[in-house]
N, C-alpha and C. Protein backbone atom coordinates (compact mmCIF):
# COMPACT_ATOMS: atom_id res chain seq x y z
N MET A 1 163.91 222.85 50.30
CA MET A 1 164.61 222.91 51.52
C MET A 1 163.91 223.19 52.64
N LEU A 2 164.33 222.55 54.07
CA LEU A 2 164.06 222.52 55.27
C LEU A 2 164.31 223.46 56.19
N LYS A 3 163.87 224.72 56.35
CA LYS A 3 164.73 225.60 57.62
C LYS A 3 164.14 225.21 59.16
N TYR A 4 165.14 225.03 59.54
CA TYR A 4 165.44 224.65 61.01
C TYR A 4 166.13 226.19 61.87
N ILE A 5 165.73 225.66 63.19
CA ILE A 5 166.32 226.25 64.38
C ILE A 5 166.70 225.46 65.22
N ILE A 6 167.61 225.68 66.35
CA ILE A 6 168.21 225.31 67.50
C ILE A 6 168.01 226.06 68.77
N ILE A 7 167.22 224.96 69.93
CA ILE A 7 166.89 226.09 70.79
C ILE A 7 167.80 224.94 72.07
N ASP A 8 168.82 225.38 72.47
CA ASP A 8 169.37 224.57 73.75
C ASP A 8 170.35 225.77 74.41
N ASP A 9 170.35 225.89 75.87
CA ASP A 9 171.13 226.70 76.26
C ASP A 9 172.87 225.99 76.48
N GLU A 10 172.94 224.99 75.77
CA GLU A 10 174.35 224.47 75.46
C GLU A 10 175.32 224.59 74.27
N PRO A 11 176.11 226.07 74.19
CA PRO A 11 176.87 226.19 72.75
C PRO A 11 176.84 224.85 71.98
N LEU A 12 177.82 223.68 72.76
CA LEU A 12 178.68 222.51 72.45
C LEU A 12 177.20 221.80 71.65
N ALA A 13 175.83 221.57 72.11
CA ALA A 13 174.73 220.96 71.38
C ALA A 13 174.59 221.77 70.22
N HIS A 14 174.38 223.20 69.97
CA HIS A 14 174.68 223.67 68.78
C HIS A 14 175.61 223.62 67.82
N GLU A 15 177.04 223.03 68.11
CA GLU A 15 178.01 222.87 67.42
C GLU A 15 177.74 221.69 66.49
N ILE A 16 177.25 220.66 67.63
CA ILE A 16 177.35 219.05 67.23
C ILE A 16 175.83 219.31 66.61
N ILE A 17 174.98 219.73 66.26
CA ILE A 17 174.00 219.62 65.64
C ILE A 17 173.87 220.26 64.41
N GLU A 18 174.56 221.37 64.47
CA GLU A 18 175.27 222.21 63.11
C GLU A 18 175.73 221.22 62.10
N GLU A 19 177.01 220.62 62.55
CA GLU A 19 177.98 219.63 62.32
C GLU A 19 177.14 218.87 61.29
N PHE A 20 176.17 218.32 62.16
CA PHE A 20 175.45 216.76 61.08
C PHE A 20 174.71 217.42 60.39
N CYS A 21 173.75 218.02 60.57
CA CYS A 21 172.63 218.89 59.76
C CYS A 21 173.43 219.54 58.34
N SER A 22 175.06 219.96 58.47
CA SER A 22 175.80 220.51 57.22
C SER A 22 175.58 219.56 56.40
N MET A 23 175.93 218.32 56.93
CA MET A 23 176.05 216.82 56.07
C MET A 23 174.60 216.58 55.15
N LEU A 24 173.66 217.58 55.49
CA LEU A 24 172.28 217.36 54.98
C LEU A 24 171.78 218.06 53.99
N PRO A 25 171.92 218.33 52.96
CA PRO A 25 172.10 219.35 51.83
C PRO A 25 170.16 219.59 51.55
N HIS A 26 169.35 219.07 52.35
CA HIS A 26 167.87 219.53 52.29
C HIS A 26 167.43 220.47 53.34
N VAL A 27 168.57 220.57 54.04
CA VAL A 27 167.99 221.57 55.86
C VAL A 27 168.96 222.44 55.59
N GLN A 28 168.33 223.78 56.14
CA GLN A 28 169.05 224.77 56.11
C GLN A 28 168.83 225.53 57.99
N LEU A 29 170.23 226.22 58.40
CA LEU A 29 169.79 226.42 59.97
C LEU A 29 169.55 227.99 59.69
N GLU A 30 168.17 228.43 60.38
CA GLU A 30 167.53 229.62 60.43
C GLU A 30 168.16 230.87 61.74
N LYS A 31 168.31 229.68 62.76
CA LYS A 31 168.64 230.50 63.88
C LYS A 31 169.42 230.05 65.00
N ASN A 32 170.17 230.33 65.72
CA ASN A 32 170.37 229.69 67.15
C ASN A 32 169.71 230.46 68.54
N CYS A 33 169.31 229.63 68.98
CA CYS A 33 168.36 230.17 69.89
C CYS A 33 169.13 229.78 71.27
N TYR A 34 169.22 230.52 72.36
CA TYR A 34 169.93 229.96 73.60
C TYR A 34 169.07 229.91 74.57
N ASN A 35 168.03 230.13 74.31
CA ASN A 35 167.16 230.28 75.67
C ASN A 35 165.39 230.11 74.76
N ALA A 36 164.37 229.73 75.60
CA ALA A 36 162.86 229.77 75.06
C ALA A 36 162.89 231.26 74.49
N MET A 37 162.92 231.83 75.47
CA MET A 37 161.89 233.05 74.81
C MET A 37 162.49 234.14 73.59
N GLU A 38 164.17 233.62 73.71
CA GLU A 38 165.22 234.05 72.48
C GLU A 38 164.29 233.16 71.17
N ALA A 39 163.91 231.85 71.48
CA ALA A 39 162.89 231.26 70.28
C ALA A 39 161.72 231.96 70.22
N MET A 40 161.06 231.96 71.16
CA MET A 40 159.47 232.45 70.76
C MET A 40 159.36 234.02 70.04
N GLN A 41 160.51 235.23 70.69
CA GLN A 41 161.02 236.14 69.30
C GLN A 41 160.74 236.12 68.43
N PHE A 42 161.69 235.00 67.76
CA PHE A 42 162.11 234.69 66.63
C PHE A 42 161.02 234.00 65.87
N LEU A 43 160.13 233.01 66.35
CA LEU A 43 159.27 232.13 65.81
C LEU A 43 157.80 233.36 65.60
N ASN A 44 157.72 234.16 66.49
CA ASN A 44 156.69 235.46 66.44
C ASN A 44 156.76 236.34 65.01
N GLU A 45 157.80 236.31 64.69
CA GLU A 45 158.21 236.85 63.31
C GLU A 45 158.56 236.02 62.35
N ASN A 46 159.16 234.73 62.54
CA ASN A 46 159.40 234.02 61.40
C ASN A 46 158.90 232.61 61.03
N THR A 47 159.08 231.56 60.40
CA THR A 47 158.27 230.30 59.97
C THR A 47 159.60 229.56 59.37
N VAL A 48 159.60 228.91 60.36
CA VAL A 48 160.63 227.58 59.83
C VAL A 48 159.91 226.37 59.71
N ASP A 49 160.66 224.96 59.07
CA ASP A 49 159.73 223.60 59.40
C ASP A 49 159.89 223.05 60.20
N PHE A 50 160.88 222.99 61.48
CA PHE A 50 161.18 222.39 62.00
C PHE A 50 162.37 222.75 63.34
N MET A 51 162.27 222.18 64.42
CA MET A 51 163.17 222.67 65.16
C MET A 51 163.57 221.92 66.27
N PHE A 52 165.15 221.76 66.74
CA PHE A 52 165.90 220.85 67.33
C PHE A 52 165.50 221.56 69.22
N LEU A 53 165.07 221.14 70.23
CA LEU A 53 164.59 221.74 71.08
C LEU A 53 165.24 221.09 72.30
N ASP A 54 166.01 221.60 73.60
CA ASP A 54 166.07 220.78 74.39
C ASP A 54 165.28 221.39 75.49
N ILE A 55 165.24 220.29 76.80
CA ILE A 55 164.15 220.34 77.37
C ILE A 55 164.60 221.22 78.86
N ASN A 56 165.97 220.79 79.06
CA ASN A 56 166.70 221.44 80.32
C ASN A 56 167.12 223.03 80.02
N MET A 57 166.22 223.81 80.29
CA MET A 57 166.74 225.28 79.97
C MET A 57 166.12 225.85 81.29
N PRO A 58 167.12 227.20 81.56
CA PRO A 58 167.07 227.95 82.52
C PRO A 58 165.15 228.96 82.09
N LYS A 59 164.77 229.38 82.82
CA LYS A 59 163.76 230.26 83.18
C LYS A 59 162.41 229.29 82.89
N LEU A 60 162.41 229.04 80.95
CA LEU A 60 161.54 228.54 80.44
C LEU A 60 161.54 227.14 80.34
N LYS A 61 160.99 226.07 80.67
CA LYS A 61 162.02 224.64 80.01
C LYS A 61 161.28 224.21 78.97
N GLY A 62 161.90 223.47 78.16
CA GLY A 62 161.59 223.14 76.50
C GLY A 62 160.14 223.06 76.09
N LEU A 63 159.70 221.83 77.13
CA LEU A 63 158.24 221.19 77.12
C LEU A 63 157.36 222.06 77.43
N ASP A 64 157.53 222.73 78.31
CA ASP A 64 156.89 224.16 78.58
C ASP A 64 156.84 225.42 77.84
N PHE A 65 157.65 225.28 76.72
CA PHE A 65 157.79 226.40 75.95
C PHE A 65 156.95 225.93 74.86
N LEU A 66 157.05 224.83 74.49
CA LEU A 66 156.11 224.01 73.45
C LEU A 66 154.60 224.12 73.46
N LYS A 67 154.27 223.96 74.91
CA LYS A 67 153.33 224.10 75.16
C LYS A 67 152.36 225.81 74.64
N THR A 68 153.18 226.31 74.77
CA THR A 68 152.63 227.82 74.72
C THR A 68 152.51 228.04 73.32
N LEU A 69 152.74 227.48 72.00
CA LEU A 69 153.16 227.93 70.75
C LEU A 69 151.52 227.22 70.53
N THR A 70 151.10 228.00 69.79
CA THR A 70 149.58 227.52 69.28
C THR A 70 149.94 227.11 67.58
N LYS A 71 151.11 227.08 66.86
CA LYS A 71 151.11 226.76 65.75
C LYS A 71 152.88 226.59 65.59
N ALA A 72 153.14 225.26 66.47
CA ALA A 72 154.26 224.94 66.53
C ALA A 72 154.94 224.07 65.50
N PRO A 73 155.97 224.77 64.92
CA PRO A 73 157.14 224.09 63.58
C PRO A 73 157.18 222.24 64.18
N LYS A 74 157.36 221.63 63.47
CA LYS A 74 157.55 220.11 64.01
C LYS A 74 158.83 219.98 64.58
N THR A 75 158.53 219.55 65.79
CA THR A 75 159.72 219.57 66.85
C THR A 75 160.18 217.97 67.23
N ILE A 76 161.96 217.98 67.16
CA ILE A 76 162.84 217.32 67.55
C ILE A 76 163.20 217.25 68.79
N ILE A 77 163.08 216.87 70.04
CA ILE A 77 163.51 216.81 70.86
C ILE A 77 164.95 216.24 71.56
N THR A 78 165.87 216.88 71.87
CA THR A 78 167.22 216.55 72.11
C THR A 78 167.50 216.89 73.29
N THR A 79 167.48 215.79 74.40
CA THR A 79 167.85 215.97 75.38
C THR A 79 168.57 214.95 75.93
N ALA A 80 169.24 215.03 77.52
CA ALA A 80 169.60 213.87 78.39
C ALA A 80 168.97 213.21 79.16
N TYR A 81 167.49 213.49 78.90
CA TYR A 81 166.56 213.31 80.23
C TYR A 81 165.57 212.35 79.58
N LYS A 82 165.02 211.12 79.34
CA LYS A 82 164.52 209.80 78.63
C LYS A 82 163.55 209.90 79.12
N GLU A 83 163.09 210.63 80.93
CA GLU A 83 162.06 210.43 81.63
C GLU A 83 161.08 211.52 81.29
N HIS A 84 161.24 212.46 80.17
CA HIS A 84 160.25 213.13 79.65
C HIS A 84 159.49 212.73 78.40
N ALA A 85 159.90 211.25 78.09
CA ALA A 85 159.63 211.24 76.47
C ALA A 85 158.27 211.09 76.30
N LEU A 86 157.45 210.52 76.86
CA LEU A 86 156.22 210.51 77.06
C LEU A 86 155.31 211.72 77.03
N GLU A 87 155.67 212.62 78.06
CA GLU A 87 155.04 213.78 77.61
C GLU A 87 155.62 214.64 76.33
N GLY A 88 156.30 214.17 76.12
CA GLY A 88 157.08 215.02 74.71
C GLY A 88 156.30 214.69 73.68
N PHE A 89 156.04 213.09 73.38
CA PHE A 89 154.85 212.72 72.20
C PHE A 89 153.73 212.70 72.44
N GLU A 90 153.30 213.22 73.62
CA GLU A 90 151.68 213.69 74.07
C GLU A 90 151.66 214.99 73.29
N LEU A 91 152.61 215.43 72.99
CA LEU A 91 153.14 217.08 72.69
C LEU A 91 152.95 216.70 71.15
N ASN A 92 152.62 215.63 70.69
CA ASN A 92 153.02 215.58 69.33
C ASN A 92 154.52 215.48 68.44
N VAL A 93 155.45 215.64 69.37
CA VAL A 93 156.70 216.25 68.49
C VAL A 93 157.19 214.87 67.85
N VAL A 94 157.91 215.25 66.75
CA VAL A 94 158.28 214.38 65.75
C VAL A 94 159.25 213.26 66.44
N ASP A 95 160.17 213.48 67.12
CA ASP A 95 161.05 212.72 67.79
C ASP A 95 161.61 213.01 68.83
N TYR A 96 162.26 212.24 69.29
CA TYR A 96 162.87 212.38 71.14
C TYR A 96 164.03 211.55 71.09
N ILE A 97 165.40 212.46 70.93
CA ILE A 97 166.87 211.58 70.80
C ILE A 97 167.30 212.20 72.30
N LEU A 98 168.15 211.47 72.70
CA LEU A 98 168.96 211.32 74.02
C LEU A 98 170.39 211.58 73.52
N LYS A 99 170.46 212.30 74.51
CA LYS A 99 172.17 212.90 73.86
C LYS A 99 173.08 211.92 74.88
N PRO A 100 174.44 211.97 74.51
CA PRO A 100 174.91 212.30 73.09
C PRO A 100 174.04 211.30 71.80
N PHE A 101 173.88 211.81 70.92
CA PHE A 101 173.32 211.28 69.61
C PHE A 101 174.39 210.76 68.58
N SER A 102 174.21 210.11 67.74
CA SER A 102 174.92 209.46 66.90
C SER A 102 174.54 210.39 65.46
N PHE A 103 175.20 210.40 64.28
CA PHE A 103 175.01 211.02 63.21
C PHE A 103 173.81 210.25 62.32
N ASP A 104 173.96 208.92 62.54
CA ASP A 104 172.62 208.33 61.94
C ASP A 104 171.47 208.51 62.80
N ARG A 105 171.51 208.49 64.08
CA ARG A 105 170.27 209.16 64.63
C ARG A 105 169.55 210.24 64.34
N LEU A 106 170.42 211.05 64.05
CA LEU A 106 169.83 212.79 63.77
C LEU A 106 169.17 212.39 62.46
N VAL A 107 169.75 211.64 61.69
CA VAL A 107 169.43 211.29 59.94
C VAL A 107 167.91 211.00 60.51
N LYS A 108 167.64 209.88 60.99
CA LYS A 108 166.69 209.45 61.43
C LYS A 108 165.41 209.85 61.62
N ALA A 109 165.95 210.70 62.53
CA ALA A 109 164.63 212.05 63.14
C ALA A 109 164.66 213.04 61.93
N VAL A 110 165.27 213.48 61.42
CA VAL A 110 164.90 214.60 60.40
C VAL A 110 164.51 213.81 59.14
N ASN A 111 164.66 212.46 58.81
CA ASN A 111 163.70 211.95 58.17
C ASN A 111 162.41 211.91 58.28
N LYS A 112 162.22 212.10 59.71
CA LYS A 112 160.51 211.90 59.99
C LYS A 112 159.85 212.71 59.90
N VAL A 113 160.93 214.42 59.85
CA VAL A 113 159.95 215.55 59.59
C VAL A 113 160.13 215.67 58.33
N SER A 114 161.10 215.08 57.20
CA SER A 114 160.40 215.10 55.93
C SER A 114 159.57 214.21 55.32
N GLU A 115 159.09 213.06 55.62
CA GLU A 115 158.20 212.26 55.75
C GLU A 115 156.91 213.14 56.04
N THR A 116 156.81 214.38 56.85
CA THR A 116 155.81 215.00 56.52
C THR A 116 155.56 216.51 55.90
N GLN A 117 156.38 216.28 55.00
CA GLN A 117 156.64 217.71 54.05
C GLN A 117 156.35 217.10 53.01
N THR A 118 155.93 217.65 52.02
CA THR A 118 155.69 217.63 50.43
C THR A 118 157.32 217.24 49.69
N THR A 119 158.20 217.86 50.55
CA THR A 119 159.38 217.75 50.02
C THR A 119 160.17 216.25 50.34
N LYS A 120 160.91 216.21 49.10
CA LYS A 120 160.89 214.34 49.18
C LYS A 120 162.67 214.46 49.84
N THR A 121 162.88 213.88 50.61
CA THR A 121 164.00 213.45 51.37
C THR A 121 165.08 212.52 50.23
N ILE A 122 166.20 213.40 50.34
CA ILE A 122 166.99 212.80 49.63
C ILE A 122 168.12 212.22 50.21
N ILE A 123 168.27 212.34 51.58
CA ILE A 123 169.07 211.70 52.42
C ILE A 123 168.47 210.14 52.65
N LYS A 124 169.76 209.07 52.48
CA LYS A 124 168.96 208.12 53.19
C LYS A 124 170.12 207.19 54.06
N GLU A 125 169.84 206.66 54.82
CA GLU A 125 170.70 206.48 56.15
C GLU A 125 170.82 204.78 55.38
N VAL A 126 172.23 204.27 54.65
CA VAL A 126 172.63 203.31 54.24
C VAL A 126 173.57 202.44 54.69
N SER A 127 173.71 201.40 54.49
CA SER A 127 175.31 200.35 54.46
C SER A 127 174.68 199.93 53.01
N SER A 128 176.11 199.25 52.69
CA SER A 128 175.94 199.06 51.09
C SER A 128 176.80 198.00 50.76
N THR A 129 176.37 197.58 49.61
CA THR A 129 177.41 196.21 48.85
C THR A 129 177.34 196.61 47.51
N GLN A 130 178.18 195.64 46.71
CA GLN A 130 178.07 195.76 45.14
C GLN A 130 177.93 194.72 44.54
N ASP A 131 177.36 194.72 43.57
CA ASP A 131 177.02 193.62 42.69
C ASP A 131 177.16 194.33 40.83
N SER A 132 178.27 193.87 40.77
CA SER A 132 178.86 194.48 39.65
C SER A 132 179.04 195.82 39.28
N SER A 133 177.60 196.59 38.49
CA SER A 133 177.76 197.78 37.86
C SER A 133 176.91 198.65 38.56
N ARG A 134 176.51 198.11 39.81
CA ARG A 134 175.33 198.91 40.60
C ARG A 134 175.78 198.80 42.37
N PHE A 135 175.22 199.38 42.68
CA PHE A 135 175.47 199.30 44.29
C PHE A 135 173.80 198.55 44.94
N PHE A 136 173.90 197.97 45.72
CA PHE A 136 172.42 198.03 46.47
C PHE A 136 172.78 198.18 47.61
N VAL A 137 171.61 199.45 48.06
CA VAL A 137 171.92 200.27 49.62
C VAL A 137 170.75 200.12 50.32
N LYS A 138 171.00 199.56 51.80
CA LYS A 138 169.71 199.34 52.72
C LYS A 138 170.07 200.67 53.08
N GLY A 139 168.30 200.94 53.38
CA GLY A 139 168.25 202.50 53.66
C GLY A 139 166.46 202.55 54.32
N ASP A 140 165.96 202.75 55.51
CA ASP A 140 164.22 202.73 55.78
C ASP A 140 164.01 201.31 55.55
N LYS A 141 164.78 200.40 55.61
CA LYS A 141 164.16 198.66 55.80
C LYS A 141 163.89 198.45 54.06
N LYS A 142 164.46 199.11 53.29
CA LYS A 142 164.40 198.72 51.96
C LYS A 142 165.70 198.93 51.35
N HIS A 143 165.95 198.31 50.36
CA HIS A 143 167.03 198.09 49.34
C HIS A 143 167.06 198.90 48.15
N HIS A 144 167.76 199.95 48.04
CA HIS A 144 167.59 201.03 47.05
C HIS A 144 168.95 200.74 45.92
N GLN A 145 168.70 200.28 44.59
CA GLN A 145 169.45 200.03 43.86
C GLN A 145 170.14 201.17 43.34
N ILE A 146 171.20 201.52 43.05
CA ILE A 146 172.04 202.64 42.56
C ILE A 146 172.88 202.06 41.50
N ASN A 147 172.72 202.72 40.39
CA ASN A 147 173.10 202.58 39.11
C ASN A 147 174.84 202.81 39.30
N LEU A 148 176.17 202.57 39.24
CA LEU A 148 177.27 203.41 39.29
C LEU A 148 177.57 204.16 38.03
N GLU A 149 176.80 204.09 37.04
CA GLU A 149 176.71 205.24 36.52
C GLU A 149 176.21 206.53 36.49
N ASP A 150 175.63 206.69 37.51
CA ASP A 150 175.15 207.74 38.50
C ASP A 150 175.82 208.42 39.52
N LEU A 151 177.12 207.44 39.91
CA LEU A 151 178.04 207.95 41.05
C LEU A 151 179.04 209.33 40.19
N LEU A 152 179.10 210.22 41.06
CA LEU A 152 179.93 210.95 40.38
C LEU A 152 181.22 211.33 41.10
N TYR A 153 181.08 211.29 42.71
CA TYR A 153 182.19 210.96 43.16
C TYR A 153 181.79 210.84 44.69
N ILE A 154 182.78 210.47 45.62
CA ILE A 154 183.07 209.73 46.80
C ILE A 154 183.41 210.68 48.02
N GLU A 155 182.74 211.28 48.90
CA GLU A 155 183.41 212.14 49.84
C GLU A 155 183.74 211.37 51.39
N ALA A 156 184.50 211.53 52.11
CA ALA A 156 184.92 210.96 53.02
C ALA A 156 184.21 212.24 54.04
N TYR A 157 183.57 211.77 55.50
CA TYR A 157 183.26 212.30 56.17
C TYR A 157 183.45 211.81 57.63
N GLY A 158 184.60 211.61 58.33
CA GLY A 158 184.75 210.72 59.45
C GLY A 158 184.59 209.44 59.22
N ASN A 159 183.70 208.77 60.08
CA ASN A 159 183.40 207.27 59.73
C ASN A 159 182.78 207.20 58.75
N TYR A 160 182.13 208.36 58.35
CA TYR A 160 181.05 207.70 57.24
C TYR A 160 181.37 208.38 55.86
N THR A 161 180.57 208.19 54.52
CA THR A 161 181.46 209.02 53.07
C THR A 161 179.71 209.33 52.86
N LYS A 162 179.99 210.32 51.86
CA LYS A 162 178.64 210.93 51.21
C LYS A 162 179.12 210.58 49.52
N LEU A 163 178.12 209.93 48.93
CA LEU A 163 178.20 209.47 47.63
C LEU A 163 177.08 210.25 46.96
N PHE A 164 177.94 211.16 45.96
CA PHE A 164 177.25 212.13 45.36
C PHE A 164 176.90 211.39 43.88
N LEU A 165 175.75 211.49 43.62
CA LEU A 165 175.28 211.28 41.95
C LEU A 165 174.53 211.98 41.58
N LYS A 166 174.00 211.50 40.39
CA LYS A 166 173.45 212.84 39.60
C LYS A 166 172.40 213.87 40.18
N GLU A 167 171.35 212.70 40.89
CA GLU A 167 170.01 213.48 41.18
C GLU A 167 169.97 213.54 42.55
N GLU A 168 170.85 213.21 43.43
CA GLU A 168 170.77 213.21 45.06
C GLU A 168 172.53 212.84 45.85
N MET A 169 172.22 213.08 47.09
CA MET A 169 173.48 212.67 47.90
C MET A 169 172.89 211.29 48.64
N ILE A 170 173.94 210.33 49.04
CA ILE A 170 173.45 209.34 49.77
C ILE A 170 174.60 209.29 50.89
N VAL A 171 174.34 209.33 52.29
CA VAL A 171 175.16 208.76 53.38
C VAL A 171 175.39 207.51 53.29
N SER A 172 176.65 207.42 53.84
CA SER A 172 176.58 205.65 54.11
C SER A 172 178.00 205.58 55.01
N HIS A 173 177.39 204.52 55.81
CA HIS A 173 178.03 204.21 56.98
C HIS A 173 179.54 203.64 57.06
N GLU A 174 179.70 203.39 55.63
CA GLU A 174 180.95 202.82 55.11
C GLU A 174 182.30 203.82 55.30
N LYS A 175 183.23 203.73 55.50
CA LYS A 175 184.69 204.36 55.03
C LYS A 175 184.87 204.34 53.70
N ILE A 176 185.82 205.65 53.60
CA ILE A 176 186.20 205.60 51.99
C ILE A 176 187.24 204.07 51.85
N SER A 177 187.88 204.34 52.66
CA SER A 177 188.57 202.95 52.05
C SER A 177 187.95 201.75 51.45
N HIS A 178 186.60 201.56 52.28
CA HIS A 178 185.76 200.51 51.73
C HIS A 178 185.76 200.59 50.09
N TYR A 179 185.08 201.81 50.21
CA TYR A 179 184.70 202.11 48.55
C TYR A 179 186.04 201.87 47.39
N GLU A 180 187.36 202.56 48.09
CA GLU A 180 188.34 202.41 47.23
C GLU A 180 188.91 200.83 46.75
N ASN A 181 188.76 199.90 47.95
CA ASN A 181 188.66 198.62 47.52
C ASN A 181 187.52 197.97 46.94
N LEU A 182 186.67 198.45 47.14
CA LEU A 182 185.10 198.06 46.23
C LEU A 182 185.21 198.41 45.12
N LEU A 183 185.22 199.58 44.36
CA LEU A 183 185.31 199.88 43.12
C LEU A 183 186.81 199.76 42.30
N GLU A 184 186.20 199.61 41.05
CA GLU A 184 187.21 199.23 40.00
C GLU A 184 188.12 200.44 39.71
N ALA A 185 189.66 200.28 40.01
CA ALA A 185 190.65 201.54 39.55
C ALA A 185 190.52 201.83 38.30
N SER A 186 189.99 201.51 37.47
CA SER A 186 190.27 201.44 35.69
C SER A 186 188.55 202.56 35.43
N HIS A 187 188.23 202.68 36.77
CA HIS A 187 186.81 203.48 36.32
C HIS A 187 186.64 204.80 37.65
N PHE A 188 187.26 204.33 38.89
CA PHE A 188 187.56 205.15 40.12
C PHE A 188 188.95 205.64 40.27
N LEU A 189 188.92 206.59 40.77
CA LEU A 189 190.60 207.07 41.24
C LEU A 189 190.11 207.99 42.52
N ARG A 190 191.20 207.87 43.22
CA ARG A 190 191.28 208.22 44.58
C ARG A 190 192.25 209.59 44.24
N VAL A 191 191.96 210.42 44.57
CA VAL A 191 192.37 211.66 44.09
C VAL A 191 192.93 212.61 45.56
N HIS A 192 192.94 212.32 46.62
CA HIS A 192 192.73 213.14 47.93
C HIS A 192 192.42 212.23 48.88
N LYS A 193 193.08 212.22 49.81
CA LYS A 193 192.32 211.31 51.08
C LYS A 193 191.17 211.40 51.76
N SER A 194 190.43 212.22 51.17
CA SER A 194 188.78 212.36 51.29
C SER A 194 188.22 212.26 50.03
N PHE A 195 188.36 212.14 49.22
CA PHE A 195 187.86 212.03 47.87
C PHE A 195 188.05 210.84 46.57
N ILE A 196 187.23 210.43 46.07
CA ILE A 196 187.29 209.18 45.20
C ILE A 196 186.57 209.93 44.03
N VAL A 197 186.96 209.82 42.91
CA VAL A 197 186.05 210.48 41.65
C VAL A 197 185.84 209.35 40.41
N ALA A 198 184.57 209.69 40.15
CA ALA A 198 184.55 208.53 38.58
C ALA A 198 185.40 209.30 37.75
N ILE A 199 186.02 208.73 36.79
CA ILE A 199 186.92 209.08 35.94
C ILE A 199 186.80 209.50 34.92
N ASP A 200 185.27 208.79 33.85
CA ASP A 200 184.62 209.75 32.63
C ASP A 200 183.94 210.61 33.38
N LYS A 201 183.36 210.86 34.72
CA LYS A 201 182.74 212.17 34.84
C LYS A 201 183.36 213.48 35.08
N ILE A 202 184.82 213.68 34.75
CA ILE A 202 185.51 214.59 35.06
C ILE A 202 185.62 215.38 33.66
N LYS A 203 184.73 216.59 34.32
CA LYS A 203 184.94 218.04 33.27
C LYS A 203 186.04 218.48 32.80
N PHE A 204 187.53 218.92 33.83
CA PHE A 204 188.65 219.46 33.45
C PHE A 204 189.53 219.34 34.75
N ILE A 205 190.44 219.33 34.35
CA ILE A 205 191.64 219.00 35.91
C ILE A 205 192.53 220.39 35.53
N GLU A 206 192.22 221.16 36.70
CA GLU A 206 192.99 222.38 36.41
C GLU A 206 194.13 222.46 37.63
N GLY A 207 195.12 222.68 37.66
CA GLY A 207 195.86 223.40 39.00
C GLY A 207 195.70 221.81 40.08
N ASN A 208 195.09 221.97 41.08
CA ASN A 208 195.32 221.55 42.29
C ASN A 208 193.59 221.02 42.41
N ARG A 209 192.77 220.92 41.25
CA ARG A 209 191.67 220.71 41.60
C ARG A 209 190.68 220.23 40.24
N ILE A 210 189.67 218.94 40.66
CA ILE A 210 189.22 218.54 39.42
C ILE A 210 187.47 219.02 39.74
N LEU A 211 187.08 219.34 38.27
CA LEU A 211 185.86 219.86 38.17
C LEU A 211 184.90 218.85 37.64
N ILE A 212 183.89 218.16 38.62
CA ILE A 212 182.72 217.67 38.32
C ILE A 212 181.33 217.98 38.26
N ASN A 213 180.57 217.95 36.90
CA ASN A 213 179.61 219.05 37.00
C ASN A 213 180.24 220.56 37.28
N THR A 214 179.37 220.92 38.47
CA THR A 214 179.66 222.02 39.26
C THR A 214 180.48 221.93 40.41
N HIS A 215 180.90 220.82 40.46
CA HIS A 215 181.70 220.58 41.85
C HIS A 215 182.88 220.53 41.70
N LYS A 216 183.91 221.54 42.74
CA LYS A 216 185.18 221.33 42.65
C LYS A 216 185.91 220.26 43.51
N ILE A 217 186.92 219.34 42.81
CA ILE A 217 186.99 218.55 43.93
C ILE A 217 188.84 219.04 43.87
N PRO A 218 189.35 218.90 45.56
CA PRO A 218 191.05 219.21 45.31
C PRO A 218 191.78 217.63 45.11
N ILE A 219 192.95 218.05 44.75
CA ILE A 219 193.88 216.74 44.59
C ILE A 219 195.03 217.06 45.82
N GLY A 220 194.89 216.02 46.43
CA GLY A 220 195.96 215.92 47.18
C GLY A 220 197.29 215.60 46.81
N GLN A 221 198.28 216.20 47.72
CA GLN A 221 199.62 216.16 46.89
C GLN A 221 200.17 214.53 46.67
N THR A 222 199.70 213.97 47.38
CA THR A 222 200.48 212.60 47.28
C THR A 222 199.56 211.82 46.19
N TYR A 223 198.46 212.36 45.60
CA TYR A 223 197.96 211.89 44.68
C TYR A 223 198.02 212.05 42.84
N LYS A 224 198.96 213.08 42.89
CA LYS A 224 199.10 214.00 41.75
C LYS A 224 199.52 212.73 41.01
N SER A 225 200.71 212.37 41.03
CA SER A 225 201.28 211.25 40.23
C SER A 225 200.25 210.36 39.57
N SER A 226 199.18 210.15 40.00
CA SER A 226 198.18 208.97 39.44
C SER A 226 197.70 209.61 38.52
N ILE A 227 196.71 210.99 38.93
CA ILE A 227 196.00 212.03 37.90
C ILE A 227 196.84 212.04 36.60
N ASN A 228 198.51 212.26 37.02
CA ASN A 228 199.10 212.62 35.95
C ASN A 228 199.23 211.71 35.03
N LYS A 229 198.87 210.63 35.15
CA LYS A 229 198.57 209.64 34.14
C LYS A 229 197.60 209.37 33.72
N LEU A 230 196.78 210.28 33.51
CA LEU A 230 195.31 210.22 33.09
C LEU A 230 195.40 210.97 31.81
N TYR A 231 195.98 212.00 31.72
CA TYR A 231 196.65 212.78 30.57
C TYR A 231 198.42 213.06 29.89
N ASN A 232 199.03 211.70 30.48
CA ASN A 232 200.31 211.75 29.84
C ASN A 232 200.72 210.30 29.92
N SER A 233 199.58 209.59 29.32
CA SER A 233 199.62 208.29 29.23
C SER A 233 199.95 208.00 27.78
């Protein structure tokens, strides 16, 4: 688990970063800091793996704050000002991303942090195609082969989807409707507007939820009749 803090004077920036990072199961927020002095106090007493750092903050600017740290965490600069990029990289920041940034851009930055750690990154930025019983997913300029036997369920997240496998979770740029059309209905079932499950991975169905391993998946009202057919056929 990679621990991180956010240092930014804008509450909206905190909300966006937190929302994106909530999709990454290998990172954990430790502290929201709204100025450099607050962050300095926290880092004097705590250790984190990386931080999101804004540049344009009152009293002490982000890059000036970074210069004061003798053992700075890995740093991802988040700013609306591209003109400070060279100075940022001279300070060995991991990445420099411009606001407003997308989810996939943040994933790239976090993956760079992961590459410097012994912890293996389990999130891959992907697009996907299918070949019979397996997916070929493209991420980091590589094609990763994913066996459909390992796929437990799929969850929609806006214009993205999260593919939950036995050993990892992969983020795809495809919408959930893409997978509903792609996967065979005899093996995968839409059970909610935001969920598709692998039928053979269902442990039990109870009330308005399905259990797969330790994952609890809700059943949508409009999908109940399809689920009833599983055990009333």
